[in-house]
Amino acid sequence: MQISPPKHLAGFIKHYIFLENSQKNNRNLRLFADGNTGMIISADMHMHDAEGNFLPLSFFYGQPTSYKNLGTEGPFSLLAVVFQPYFFNLLFGIAAKEIRNEIIPAEDIIQDRLAPFQEAMDRKSAPRMLISGLNSFFTHLIASKNNADLWVIQLQQYMLLNKGMASLRMLEHFSGYSERHIERTFQNHIGIAPRKYNSIIRLHHFLSLAKNKAPEQNMAELCYSAGYFDQSHLIRDCKSITGLTPTQYIKTKNKLAVNFIELH
């Protein structure tokens, strides 16, 4: 279940995703980069990383640059709050590049302020009621924060509009800043370099085209429509970000979210 935030939060939160698994069997999952950071809230999740280390029940995750293999044991329910890319830096004043690829226990950043939401998850409260409470929580947090550099947000939106095809020269012309200043500020606010962000955007544009493709369209046509010079470039980017070839990803049946899939 994917739920949009209210309009006044749309510039900070992309969407909420509620996931529930009632099966007792273990599951192998993969999370990969989509250009955003976020937060996971759960009361009963037994999720571990590829090394077998169990993750906190609730945590923030920094900007991923590739993919993470995860495992779950038994039933679980979780709520993912997917932030706009610059929101973590704005909210907590932490340079986004410092938490790139990191998972941070929520209590390390906001103490026990998520406890009521974890308890609501434990009581199996309706997701929309839980999200309504979170909307109030984030509205209160945002009210006490300074705005992020507006030009960085505008630049990120410009890159989205250009579907990952905005060159550094185009970014310089759009923003009026030098390449070096753009690189440094973008990494502080977004967590990764503009070039890497472009590649993530472009791949997700391809995945969107593939999901909605007409029957007569083939892989080559989708590849060029997404802005790739050739299929080898697409395959290289897709394997780097998702760990799968485009064909393998498209054939993956259980997509919990566009960047969160079950592996078999």
C-alpha atoms as a PDB file:
ATOM      1  CA  MET A   1       0.000   0.000   0.000  1.00  0.00           C
ATOM      2  CA  GLN A   2       1.475   3.351  -1.091  1.00  0.00           C
ATOM      3  CA  ILE A   3       0.049   6.577   0.353  1.00  0.00           C
ATOM      4  CA  SER A   4       0.972  10.147  -0.595  1.00  0.00           C
ATOM      5  CA  PRO A   5       1.620  12.799   2.069  1.00  0.00           C
ATOM      6  CA  PRO A   6      -0.522  15.954   2.361  1.00  0.00           C
ATOM      7  CA  LYS A   7       0.436  18.822   0.048  1.00  0.00           C
ATOM      8  CA  HIS A   8       2.364  20.790   2.688  1.00  0.00           C
ATOM      9  CA  LEU A   9       4.672  17.778   3.220  1.00  0.00           C
ATOM     10  CA  ALA A  10       5.044  16.733  -0.429  1.00  0.00           C
ATOM     11  CA  GLY A  11       8.244  18.764  -0.760  1.00  0.00           C
ATOM     12  CA  PHE A  12       9.791  16.738   2.070  1.00  0.00           C
ATOM     13  CA  ILE A  13       8.203  13.270   1.951  1.00  0.00           C
ATOM     14  CA  LYS A  14       7.773  11.420  -1.331  1.00  0.00           C
ATOM     15  CA  HIS A  15       5.348   8.772  -0.057  1.00  0.00           C
ATOM     16  CA  TYR A  16       4.609   6.205   2.633  1.00  0.00           C
ATOM     17  CA  ILE A  17       4.688   2.467   1.917  1.00  0.00           C
ATOM     18  CA  PHE A  18       2.995  -0.062   4.215  1.00  0.00           C
ATOM     19  CA  LEU A  19       4.118  -3.676   3.828  1.00  0.00           C
ATOM     20  CA  GLU A  20       2.790  -6.719   5.637  1.00  0.00           C
ATOM     21  CA  ASN A  21       3.862 -10.352   5.481  1.00  0.00           C
ATOM     22  CA  SER A  22       1.732 -12.970   7.227  1.00  0.00           C
ATOM     23  CA  GLN A  23       3.806 -15.935   6.086  1.00  0.00           C
ATOM     24  CA  LYS A  24       5.965 -17.808   8.592  1.00  0.00           C
ATOM     25  CA  ASN A  25       8.662 -18.701   6.101  1.00  0.00           C
ATOM     26  CA  ASN A  26      11.878 -16.719   5.742  1.00  0.00           C
ATOM     27  CA  ARG A  27      12.234 -14.344   2.796  1.00  0.00           C
ATOM     28  CA  ASN A  28      15.234 -13.030   0.875  1.00  0.00           C
ATOM     29  CA  LEU A  29      14.822  -9.395  -0.106  1.00  0.00           C
ATOM     30  CA  ARG A  30      16.849  -6.796  -1.960  1.00  0.00           C
ATOM     31  CA  LEU A  31      16.725  -3.031  -1.491  1.00  0.00           C
ATOM     32  CA  PHE A  32      18.435  -0.864  -4.081  1.00  0.00           C
ATOM     33  CA  ALA A  33      18.983   2.813  -4.793  1.00  0.00           C
ATOM     34  CA  ASP A  34      16.122   4.984  -6.025  1.00  0.00           C
ATOM     35  CA  GLY A  35      17.706   8.364  -5.256  1.00  0.00           C
ATOM     36  CA  ASN A  36      15.938   8.828  -1.903  1.00  0.00           C
ATOM     37  CA  THR A  37      16.607   8.367   1.798  1.00  0.00           C
ATOM     38  CA  GLY A  38      14.030   7.300   4.345  1.00  0.00           C
ATOM     39  CA  MET A  39      12.903   5.726   7.583  1.00  0.00           C
ATOM     40  CA  ILE A  40      11.524   2.300   8.510  1.00  0.00           C
ATOM     41  CA  ILE A  41       9.166   1.774  11.463  1.00  0.00           C
ATOM     42  CA  SER A  42       8.244  -1.680  12.740  1.00  0.00           C
ATOM     43  CA  ALA A  43       7.292  -3.381  15.978  1.00  0.00           C
ATOM     44  CA  ASP A  44       7.830  -7.013  15.007  1.00  0.00           C
ATOM     45  CA  MET A  45      10.329  -7.142  12.162  1.00  0.00           C
ATOM     46  CA  HIS A  46      13.118  -9.703  12.315  1.00  0.00           C
ATOM     47  CA  MET A  47      15.236  -8.416   9.445  1.00  0.00           C
ATOM     48  CA  HIS A  48      18.940  -9.019   9.047  1.00  0.00           C
ATOM     49  CA  ASP A  49      21.605  -7.957   6.581  1.00  0.00           C
ATOM     50  CA  ALA A  50      23.723 -10.202   4.351  1.00  0.00           C
ATOM     51  CA  GLU A  51      26.156 -10.836   7.235  1.00  0.00           C
ATOM     52  CA  GLY A  52      23.364 -11.995   9.559  1.00  0.00           C
ATOM     53  CA  ASN A  53      23.299  -8.854  11.719  1.00  0.00           C
ATOM     54  CA  PHE A  54      19.760  -7.982  12.804  1.00  0.00           C
ATOM     55  CA  LEU A  55      18.559  -4.490  11.951  1.00  0.00           C
ATOM     56  CA  PRO A  56      16.875  -2.191  14.503  1.00  0.00           C
ATOM     57  CA  LEU A  57      13.089  -2.272  14.611  1.00  0.00           C
ATOM     58  CA  SER A  58      13.049   1.353  13.475  1.00  0.00           C
ATOM     59  CA  PHE A  59      15.858   3.062  11.614  1.00  0.00           C
ATOM     60  CA  PHE A  60      16.852   5.747   9.141  1.00  0.00           C
ATOM     61  CA  TYR A  61      18.736   4.818   6.000  1.00  0.00           C
ATOM     62  CA  GLY A  62      21.101   7.061   4.103  1.00  0.00           C
ATOM     63  CA  GLN A  63      21.379   7.460   0.360  1.00  0.00           C
ATOM     64  CA  PRO A  64      22.092   3.991  -1.106  1.00  0.00           C
ATOM     65  CA  THR A  65      24.500   3.837  -4.047  1.00  0.00           C
ATOM     66  CA  SER A  66      23.932   0.176  -4.899  1.00  0.00           C
ATOM     67  CA  TYR A  67      21.870  -2.631  -3.353  1.00  0.00           C
ATOM     68  CA  LYS A  68      21.566  -4.420  -0.023  1.00  0.00           C
ATOM     69  CA  ASN A  69      20.518  -8.036   0.438  1.00  0.00           C
ATOM     70  CA  LEU A  70      18.271  -8.511   3.453  1.00  0.00           C
ATOM     71  CA  GLY A  71      16.507 -11.427   5.076  1.00  0.00           C
ATOM     72  CA  THR A  72      13.373 -11.687   7.199  1.00  0.00           C
ATOM     73  CA  GLU A  73      12.304 -14.388   9.620  1.00  0.00           C
ATOM     74  CA  GLY A  74       8.585 -14.971  10.037  1.00  0.00           C
ATOM     75  CA  PRO A  75       5.659 -12.553   9.761  1.00  0.00           C
ATOM     76  CA  PHE A  76       6.235  -8.806   9.886  1.00  0.00           C
ATOM     77  CA  SER A  77       4.666  -5.452   9.156  1.00  0.00           C
ATOM     78  CA  LEU A  78       6.558  -2.261   8.445  1.00  0.00           C
ATOM     79  CA  LEU A  79       5.986   1.289   7.366  1.00  0.00           C
ATOM     80  CA  ALA A  80       8.550   2.957   5.097  1.00  0.00           C
ATOM     81  CA  VAL A  81       8.668   6.741   4.994  1.00  0.00           C
ATOM     82  CA  VAL A  82      10.414   7.638   1.750  1.00  0.00           C
ATOM     83  CA  PHE A  83      11.985  11.084   2.035  1.00  0.00           C
ATOM     84  CA  GLN A  84      12.728  13.547  -0.721  1.00  0.00           C
ATOM     85  CA  PRO A  85      16.516  13.281  -1.293  1.00  0.00           C
ATOM     86  CA  TYR A  86      17.439  16.491   0.575  1.00  0.00           C
ATOM     87  CA  PHE A  87      15.079  15.977   3.542  1.00  0.00           C
ATOM     88  CA  PHE A  88      17.434  14.109   5.885  1.00  0.00           C
ATOM     89  CA  ASN A  89      20.018  16.892   5.717  1.00  0.00           C
ATOM     90  CA  LEU A  90      17.324  19.535   6.242  1.00  0.00           C
ATOM     91  CA  LEU A  91      15.694  17.668   9.129  1.00  0.00           C
ATOM     92  CA  PHE A  92      18.750  16.727  11.178  1.00  0.00           C
ATOM     93  CA  GLY A  93      21.542  18.966   9.895  1.00  0.00           C
ATOM     94  CA  ILE A  94      23.743  15.967   9.091  1.00  0.00           C
ATOM     95  CA  ALA A  95      25.741  16.039   5.856  1.00  0.00           C
ATOM     96  CA  ALA A  96      24.010  13.462   3.671  1.00  0.00           C
ATOM     97  CA  LYS A  97      27.335  12.103   2.406  1.00  0.00           C
ATOM     98  CA  GLU A  98      28.244  11.117   5.994  1.00  0.00           C
ATOM     99  CA  ILE A  99      25.384   8.602   6.168  1.00  0.00           C
ATOM    100  CA  ARG A 100      25.606   7.321   2.598  1.00  0.00           C
ATOM    101  CA  ASN A 101      24.831   3.558   2.568  1.00  0.00           C
ATOM    102  CA  GLU A 102      24.376   3.639   6.357  1.00  0.00           C
ATOM    103  CA  ILE A 103      21.564   2.303   8.551  1.00  0.00           C
ATOM    104  CA  ILE A 104      21.123   4.346  11.742  1.00  0.00           C
ATOM    105  CA  PRO A 105      18.908   3.255  14.669  1.00  0.00           C
ATOM    106  CA  ALA A 106      16.108   5.797  15.028  1.00  0.00           C
ATOM    107  CA  GLU A 107      16.770   6.192  18.753  1.00  0.00           C
ATOM    108  CA  ASP A 108      20.289   7.453  17.989  1.00  0.00           C
ATOM    109  CA  ILE A 109      18.776  10.484  16.242  1.00  0.00           C
ATOM    110  CA  ILE A 110      15.357  11.156  17.762  1.00  0.00           C
ATOM    111  CA  GLN A 111      15.538   9.244  21.065  1.00  0.00           C
ATOM    112  CA  ASP A 112      12.208   7.584  21.885  1.00  0.00           C
ATOM    113  CA  ARG A 113       9.915   9.867  19.852  1.00  0.00           C
ATOM    114  CA  LEU A 114       8.980   7.007  17.519  1.00  0.00           C
ATOM    115  CA  ALA A 115       7.790   4.804  20.417  1.00  0.00           C
ATOM    116  CA  PRO A 116       4.081   5.753  19.991  1.00  0.00           C
ATOM    117  CA  PHE A 117       4.227   4.758  16.327  1.00  0.00           C
ATOM    118  CA  GLN A 118       5.952   1.454  17.091  1.00  0.00           C
ATOM    119  CA  GLU A 119       3.252   0.754  19.681  1.00  0.00           C
ATOM    120  CA  ALA A 120       0.570   1.575  17.112  1.00  0.00           C
ATOM    121  CA  MET A 121       2.194  -0.892  14.712  1.00  0.00           C
ATOM    122  CA  ASP A 122       2.213  -3.495  17.479  1.00  0.00           C
ATOM    123  CA  ARG A 123      -1.519  -2.922  18.057  1.00  0.00           C
ATOM    124  CA  LYS A 124      -2.113  -3.390  14.303  1.00  0.00           C
ATOM    125  CA  SER A 125      -3.572   0.102  13.992  1.00  0.00           C
ATOM    126  CA  ALA A 126      -4.919   1.058  10.579  1.00  0.00           C
ATOM    127  CA  PRO A 127      -2.066   2.291   8.355  1.00  0.00           C
ATOM    128  CA  ARG A 128      -3.875   5.525   7.459  1.00  0.00           C
ATOM    129  CA  MET A 129      -4.324   6.401  11.135  1.00  0.00           C
ATOM    130  CA  LEU A 130      -0.643   5.739  11.745  1.00  0.00           C
ATOM    131  CA  ILE A 131       0.348   7.894   8.763  1.00  0.00           C
ATOM    132  CA  SER A 132      -1.918  10.700   9.943  1.00  0.00           C
ATOM    133  CA  GLY A 133       0.028  10.764  13.213  1.00  0.00           C
ATOM    134  CA  LEU A 134       3.328  10.780  11.334  1.00  0.00           C
ATOM    135  CA  ASN A 135       2.152  13.694   9.197  1.00  0.00           C
ATOM    136  CA  SER A 136       1.629  15.701  12.394  1.00  0.00           C
ATOM    137  CA  PHE A 137       4.992  14.525  13.745  1.00  0.00           C
ATOM    138  CA  PHE A 138       6.910  15.658  10.653  1.00  0.00           C
ATOM    139  CA  THR A 139       4.957  18.919  10.371  1.00  0.00           C
ATOM    140  CA  HIS A 140       6.064  19.772  13.909  1.00  0.00           C
ATOM    141  CA  LEU A 141       9.695  18.851  13.172  1.00  0.00           C
ATOM    142  CA  ILE A 142       9.821  20.881   9.972  1.00  0.00           C
ATOM    143  CA  ALA A 143       8.403  23.998  11.640  1.00  0.00           C
ATOM    144  CA  SER A 144      11.600  24.416  13.677  1.00  0.00           C
ATOM    145  CA  LYS A 145      14.041  23.904  10.789  1.00  0.00           C
ATOM    146  CA  ASN A 146      15.646  26.296   8.358  1.00  0.00           C
ATOM    147  CA  ASN A 147      14.984  25.742   4.679  1.00  0.00           C
ATOM    148  CA  ALA A 148      17.557  23.896   2.634  1.00  0.00           C
ATOM    149  CA  ASP A 149      19.380  25.814  -0.105  1.00  0.00           C
ATOM    150  CA  LEU A 150      16.543  26.394  -2.540  1.00  0.00           C
ATOM    151  CA  TRP A 151      18.784  26.150  -5.593  1.00  0.00           C
ATOM    152  CA  VAL A 152      19.808  22.575  -4.647  1.00  0.00           C
ATOM    153  CA  ILE A 153      16.161  21.524  -4.518  1.00  0.00           C
ATOM    154  CA  GLN A 154      15.523  23.243  -7.843  1.00  0.00           C
ATOM    155  CA  LEU A 155      18.573  21.533  -9.334  1.00  0.00           C
ATOM    156  CA  GLN A 156      17.407  18.108  -8.128  1.00  0.00           C
ATOM    157  CA  GLN A 157      13.967  18.727  -9.623  1.00  0.00           C
ATOM    158  CA  TYR A 158      15.588  19.846 -12.891  1.00  0.00           C
ATOM    159  CA  MET A 159      17.523  16.563 -13.024  1.00  0.00           C
ATOM    160  CA  LEU A 160      14.303  14.607 -12.477  1.00  0.00           C
ATOM    161  CA  LEU A 161      12.560  16.512 -15.261  1.00  0.00           C
ATOM    162  CA  ASN A 162      15.456  15.688 -17.585  1.00  0.00           C
ATOM    163  CA  LYS A 163      15.207  12.004 -16.572  1.00  0.00           C
ATOM    164  CA  GLY A 164      18.879  11.713 -15.673  1.00  0.00           C
ATOM    165  CA  MET A 165      20.170  13.285 -18.887  1.00  0.00           C
ATOM    166  CA  ALA A 166      21.250  16.692 -17.514  1.00  0.00           C
ATOM    167  CA  SER A 167      24.991  17.078 -18.068  1.00  0.00           C
ATOM    168  CA  LEU A 168      27.224  18.946 -15.619  1.00  0.00           C
ATOM    169  CA  ARG A 169      27.427  21.788 -18.146  1.00  0.00           C
ATOM    170  CA  MET A 170      23.622  21.949 -18.149  1.00  0.00           C
ATOM    171  CA  LEU A 171      23.615  21.970 -14.341  1.00  0.00           C
ATOM    172  CA  GLU A 172      26.147  24.815 -14.295  1.00  0.00           C
ATOM    173  CA  HIS A 173      24.035  26.834 -16.728  1.00  0.00           C
ATOM    174  CA  PHE A 174      20.814  26.142 -14.801  1.00  0.00           C
ATOM    175  CA  SER A 175      22.195  26.957 -11.333  1.00  0.00           C
ATOM    176  CA  GLY A 176      24.822  29.591 -12.138  1.00  0.00           C
ATOM    177  CA  TYR A 177      27.350  27.772  -9.944  1.00  0.00           C
ATOM    178  CA  SER A 178      30.627  26.072 -10.830  1.00  0.00           C
ATOM    179  CA  GLU A 179      30.937  22.313 -11.259  1.00  0.00           C
ATOM    180  CA  ARG A 180      33.046  22.065  -8.090  1.00  0.00           C
ATOM    181  CA  HIS A 181      30.482  23.984  -5.985  1.00  0.00           C
ATOM    182  CA  ILE A 182      27.621  21.903  -7.403  1.00  0.00           C
ATOM    183  CA  GLU A 183      29.442  18.639  -6.627  1.00  0.00           C
ATOM    184  CA  ARG A 184      30.283  19.661  -3.044  1.00  0.00           C
ATOM    185  CA  THR A 185      26.863  21.101  -2.170  1.00  0.00           C
ATOM    186  CA  PHE A 186      24.951  18.273  -3.873  1.00  0.00           C
ATOM    187  CA  GLN A 187      26.840  15.642  -1.892  1.00  0.00           C
ATOM    188  CA  ASN A 188      26.181  17.483   1.389  1.00  0.00           C
ATOM    189  CA  HIS A 189      22.450  17.784   0.703  1.00  0.00           C
ATOM    190  CA  ILE A 190      21.671  14.687  -1.384  1.00  0.00           C
ATOM    191  CA  GLY A 191      24.476  12.320  -0.358  1.00  0.00           C
ATOM    192  CA  ILE A 192      25.881  11.375  -3.761  1.00  0.00           C
ATOM    193  CA  ALA A 193      27.480  13.108  -6.733  1.00  0.00           C
ATOM    194  CA  PRO A 194      25.231  14.513  -9.484  1.00  0.00           C
ATOM    195  CA  ARG A 195      26.593  11.992 -11.970  1.00  0.00           C
ATOM    196  CA  LYS A 196      25.562   9.062  -9.746  1.00  0.00           C
ATOM    197  CA  TYR A 197      22.169  10.617  -9.090  1.00  0.00           C
ATOM    198  CA  ASN A 198      21.689  10.981 -12.849  1.00  0.00           C
ATOM    199  CA  SER A 199      22.433   7.289 -13.414  1.00  0.00           C
ATOM    200  CA  ILE A 200      19.891   6.265 -10.740  1.00  0.00           C
ATOM    201  CA  ILE A 201      17.209   8.529 -12.221  1.00  0.00           C
ATOM    202  CA  ARG A 202      17.866   7.260 -15.743  1.00  0.00           C
ATOM    203  CA  LEU A 203      17.659   3.612 -14.676  1.00  0.00           C
ATOM    204  CA  HIS A 204      14.359   4.175 -12.867  1.00  0.00           C
ATOM    205  CA  HIS A 205      13.037   5.958 -15.950  1.00  0.00           C
ATOM    206  CA  PHE A 206      13.894   2.828 -17.942  1.00  0.00           C
ATOM    207  CA  LEU A 207      12.193   0.588 -15.348  1.00  0.00           C
ATOM    208  CA  SER A 208       9.079   2.754 -15.572  1.00  0.00           C
ATOM    209  CA  LEU A 209       9.068   2.508 -19.371  1.00  0.00           C
ATOM    210  CA  ALA A 210       9.564  -1.271 -19.151  1.00  0.00           C
ATOM    211  CA  LYS A 211       6.649  -1.605 -16.712  1.00  0.00           C
ATOM    212  CA  ASN A 212       4.303   0.278 -19.033  1.00  0.00           C
ATOM    213  CA  LYS A 213       5.696  -0.811 -22.397  1.00  0.00           C
ATOM    214  CA  ALA A 214       3.504  -1.567 -25.383  1.00  0.00           C
ATOM    215  CA  PRO A 215       3.502  -5.205 -26.589  1.00  0.00           C
ATOM    216  CA  GLU A 216       5.402  -4.329 -29.766  1.00  0.00           C
ATOM    217  CA  GLN A 217       8.263  -2.543 -27.965  1.00  0.00           C
ATOM    218  CA  ASN A 218      11.522  -4.440 -27.492  1.00  0.00           C
ATOM    219  CA  MET A 219      14.432  -3.944 -25.087  1.00  0.00           C
ATOM    220  CA  ALA A 220      16.492  -1.925 -27.572  1.00  0.00           C
ATOM    221  CA  GLU A 221      13.686   0.591 -28.118  1.00  0.00           C
ATOM    222  CA  LEU A 222      13.183   1.012 -24.368  1.00  0.00           C
ATOM    223  CA  CYS A 223      16.920   1.385 -23.876  1.00  0.00           C
ATOM    224  CA  TYR A 224      17.214   4.267 -26.350  1.00  0.00           C
ATOM    225  CA  SER A 225      13.978   5.874 -25.132  1.00  0.00           C
ATOM    226  CA  ALA A 226      15.472   6.020 -21.628  1.00  0.00           C
ATOM    227  CA  GLY A 227      18.557   7.847 -22.915  1.00  0.00           C
ATOM    228  CA  TYR A 228      21.106   5.027 -23.033  1.00  0.00           C
ATOM    229  CA  PHE A 229      23.580   4.943 -25.903  1.00  0.00           C
ATOM    230  CA  ASP A 230      23.443   1.151 -26.125  1.00  0.00           C
ATOM    231  CA  GLN A 231      22.186  -1.907 -24.263  1.00  0.00           C
ATOM    232  CA  SER A 232      25.581  -2.667 -22.724  1.00  0.00           C
ATOM    233  CA  HIS A 233      25.466   0.710 -20.931  1.00  0.00           C
ATOM    234  CA  LEU A 234      21.979  -0.082 -19.633  1.00  0.00           C
ATOM    235  CA  ILE A 235      22.990  -3.558 -18.460  1.00  0.00           C
ATOM    236  CA  ARG A 236      26.075  -2.183 -16.700  1.00  0.00           C
ATOM    237  CA  ASP A 237      24.061   0.472 -14.834  1.00  0.00           C
ATOM    238  CA  CYS A 238      21.266  -1.955 -13.958  1.00  0.00           C
ATOM    239  CA  LYS A 239      23.634  -4.583 -12.542  1.00  0.00           C
ATOM    240  CA  SER A 240      25.550  -1.953 -10.601  1.00  0.00           C
ATOM    241  CA  ILE A 241      22.420  -0.503  -8.973  1.00  0.00           C
ATOM    242  CA  THR A 242      20.085  -3.522  -8.668  1.00  0.00           C
ATOM    243  CA  GLY A 243      22.463  -6.487  -8.902  1.00  0.00           C
ATOM    244  CA  LEU A 244      20.311  -7.842 -11.741  1.00  0.00           C
ATOM    245  CA  THR A 245      20.198  -7.496 -15.501  1.00  0.00           C
ATOM    246  CA  PRO A 246      17.213  -5.573 -16.902  1.00  0.00           C
ATOM    247  CA  THR A 247      15.611  -8.836 -18.036  1.00  0.00           C
ATOM    248  CA  GLN A 248      16.070 -10.432 -14.608  1.00  0.00           C
ATOM    249  CA  TYR A 249      14.516  -7.418 -12.899  1.00  0.00           C
ATOM    250  CA  ILE A 250      11.553  -7.296 -15.273  1.00  0.00           C
ATOM    251  CA  LYS A 251      10.903 -11.020 -14.689  1.00  0.00           C
ATOM    252  CA  THR A 252      11.024 -10.611 -10.898  1.00  0.00           C
ATOM    253  CA  LYS A 253       7.481 -11.351  -9.768  1.00  0.00           C
ATOM    254  CA  ASN A 254       7.287 -10.087  -6.197  1.00  0.00           C
ATOM    255  CA  LYS A 255       8.099  -6.366  -6.246  1.00  0.00           C
ATOM    256  CA  LEU A 256       7.207  -5.015  -2.809  1.00  0.00           C
ATOM    257  CA  ALA A 257       8.130  -1.543  -4.119  1.00  0.00           C
ATOM    258  CA  VAL A 258       9.931  -0.411  -7.268  1.00  0.00           C
ATOM    259  CA  ASN A 259      13.279  -0.681  -5.437  1.00  0.00           C
ATOM    260  CA  PHE A 260      12.405  -3.419  -2.914  1.00  0.00           C
ATOM    261  CA  ILE A 261      12.043  -6.919  -4.343  1.00  0.00           C
ATOM    262  CA  GLU A 262      11.930 -10.508  -3.207  1.00  0.00           C
ATOM    263  CA  LEU A 263      14.653 -12.808  -4.481  1.00  0.00           C
ATOM    264  CA  HIS A 264      14.094 -16.483  -5.237  1.00  0.00           C
END
